[in-house]
Protein backbone atom coordinates (compact mmCIF):
# COMPACT_ATOMS: atom_id res chain seq x y z
CA MET A 1 -12.52 -37.69 17.61
CA ARG A 2 -11.20 -40.09 20.25
CA ALA A 3 -13.80 -42.71 19.33
CA VAL A 4 -12.21 -43.17 15.86
CA GLY A 5 -9.30 -45.61 15.29
CA ASN A 6 -6.36 -46.19 17.61
CA GLU A 7 -4.50 -43.74 19.79
CA PRO A 8 -1.48 -42.49 17.75
CA ASP A 9 1.98 -41.99 19.15
CA TYR A 10 1.63 -38.92 21.40
CA ARG A 11 4.65 -37.26 19.68
CA PHE A 12 2.76 -37.19 16.40
CA SER A 13 -0.39 -35.79 18.06
CA LEU A 14 1.70 -33.11 19.77
CA ALA A 15 3.42 -32.24 16.49
CA ASN A 16 0.04 -31.94 14.81
CA GLU A 17 -1.16 -29.64 17.64
CA ARG A 18 1.98 -27.48 17.29
CA THR A 19 1.30 -27.15 13.57
CA PHE A 20 -2.28 -26.03 14.38
CA LEU A 21 -1.01 -23.45 16.91
CA ALA A 22 1.51 -22.17 14.40
CA GLY A 23 -1.35 -21.53 11.91
CA VAL A 24 -3.27 -19.68 14.55
CA ARG A 25 -0.17 -17.65 15.53
CA THR A 26 0.46 -16.81 11.86
CA ALA A 27 -3.20 -15.84 11.36
CA LEU A 28 -2.99 -13.39 14.30
CA ALA A 29 0.18 -11.87 12.81
CA LEU A 30 -1.52 -11.48 9.45
CA LEU A 31 -4.53 -9.89 11.09
CA ALA A 32 -2.32 -7.41 13.02
CA ALA A 33 -0.42 -6.59 9.83
CA GLY A 34 -3.62 -5.94 7.93
CA VAL A 35 -4.97 -3.62 10.57
CA ALA A 36 -1.63 -1.81 10.79
CA VAL A 37 -1.47 -1.31 7.03
CA ILE A 38 -4.93 0.17 6.91
CA GLN A 39 -4.66 2.31 10.07
CA PHE A 40 -1.01 3.29 10.41
CA LEU A 41 0.61 3.59 7.00
CA PRO A 42 1.42 7.19 6.06
CA ALA A 43 -1.20 9.30 4.34
CA ALA A 44 1.22 9.53 1.38
CA ILE A 45 -0.09 6.12 0.33
CA PRO A 46 -3.64 6.42 -1.07
CA ARG A 47 -6.34 4.88 1.20
CA PRO A 48 -7.73 2.59 -1.55
CA ALA A 49 -4.26 1.05 -1.92
CA ARG A 50 -3.93 0.62 1.80
CA LEU A 51 -7.37 -0.99 1.95
CA VAL A 52 -6.53 -3.44 -0.84
CA LEU A 53 -3.33 -4.51 0.85
CA GLY A 54 -4.76 -4.55 4.39
CA LEU A 55 -7.92 -6.48 3.43
CA LEU A 56 -5.72 -9.00 1.53
CA LEU A 57 -3.76 -9.66 4.69
CA ILE A 58 -6.93 -9.89 6.80
CA GLY A 59 -8.46 -12.22 4.29
CA LEU A 60 -5.44 -14.46 4.45
CA ALA A 61 -5.70 -14.39 8.26
CA LEU A 62 -9.34 -15.40 8.11
CA LEU A 63 -8.54 -18.26 5.69
CA LEU A 64 -5.76 -19.56 7.82
CA ALA A 65 -7.69 -19.37 11.07
CA ALA A 66 -10.72 -20.97 9.51
CA THR A 67 -8.77 -23.92 7.96
CA SER A 68 -6.28 -24.60 10.76
CA HIS A 69 -8.61 -26.47 13.02
CA ARG A 70 -10.10 -28.42 10.18
CA ARG A 71 -6.63 -29.44 9.07
CA TRP A 72 -5.73 -30.54 12.61
CA ARG A 73 -8.87 -32.74 12.80
CA ARG A 74 -8.25 -34.30 9.38
CA VAL A 75 -4.64 -35.17 10.19
CA GLU A 76 -5.56 -36.49 13.68
CA ARG A 77 -8.27 -38.76 12.10
CA ALA A 78 -5.83 -39.97 9.42
CA MET A 79 -3.22 -40.86 12.05
CA ARG A 80 -5.83 -42.72 14.14
CA LEU A 81 -6.94 -44.75 11.15
CA GLY A 82 -3.48 -45.37 9.77
CA GLU A 83 -4.27 -43.50 6.51
CA PRO A 84 -2.04 -41.22 4.49
CA LEU A 85 -2.08 -37.58 5.67
CA PRO A 86 -4.59 -35.47 3.72
CA PRO A 87 -3.41 -32.87 1.23
CA SER A 88 -3.89 -29.18 1.89
CA TRP A 89 -4.09 -26.16 -0.37
CA THR A 90 -3.88 -23.71 2.51
CA THR A 91 -0.11 -23.33 2.38
CA TRP A 92 -0.17 -22.70 -1.33
CA ILE A 93 -2.98 -20.13 -1.02
CA VAL A 94 -1.33 -18.31 1.91
CA GLY A 95 2.05 -18.34 0.14
CA THR A 96 0.56 -16.96 -3.06
CA GLY A 97 -1.40 -14.32 -1.14
CA LEU A 98 1.70 -13.18 0.70
CA SER A 99 3.58 -13.01 -2.61
CA VAL A 100 0.83 -10.81 -4.03
CA ALA A 101 0.99 -8.63 -0.90
CA ALA A 102 4.76 -8.32 -1.28
CA VAL A 103 4.42 -7.23 -4.90
CA ILE A 104 1.71 -4.63 -4.04
CA THR A 105 3.95 -3.35 -1.19
CA ALA A 106 6.92 -3.04 -3.60
CA VAL A 107 4.86 -1.19 -6.13
CA LEU A 108 3.49 1.17 -3.51
CA MET A 109 7.04 1.88 -2.27
CA LEU A 110 8.26 2.65 -5.78
CA VAL A 111 5.28 4.83 -6.74
CA THR A 112 5.07 7.01 -3.57
């Protein structure tokens, strides 16, 4: 990575790194939430519903963890080459996934 382009302003590199770490932190929180939903929700909520919700959260965690480093590298490369920052669908996918999880949670709360 360092062999490409010019060294960017360190503040931008550090901001990019903080964004990467925020993605990893959020992925860990989503993973913990998914495990908690599957393992610790009351038995009053059917297990298949808990599995769907929990696996959705775990899947979002996997997506975010898998794409955070790639995003960091792409942004770092763009900064070094003086190119525009690359677009990312990750935030849209995670936001939509969390919205679906919120709807499922609301339905489960109303039904049980």
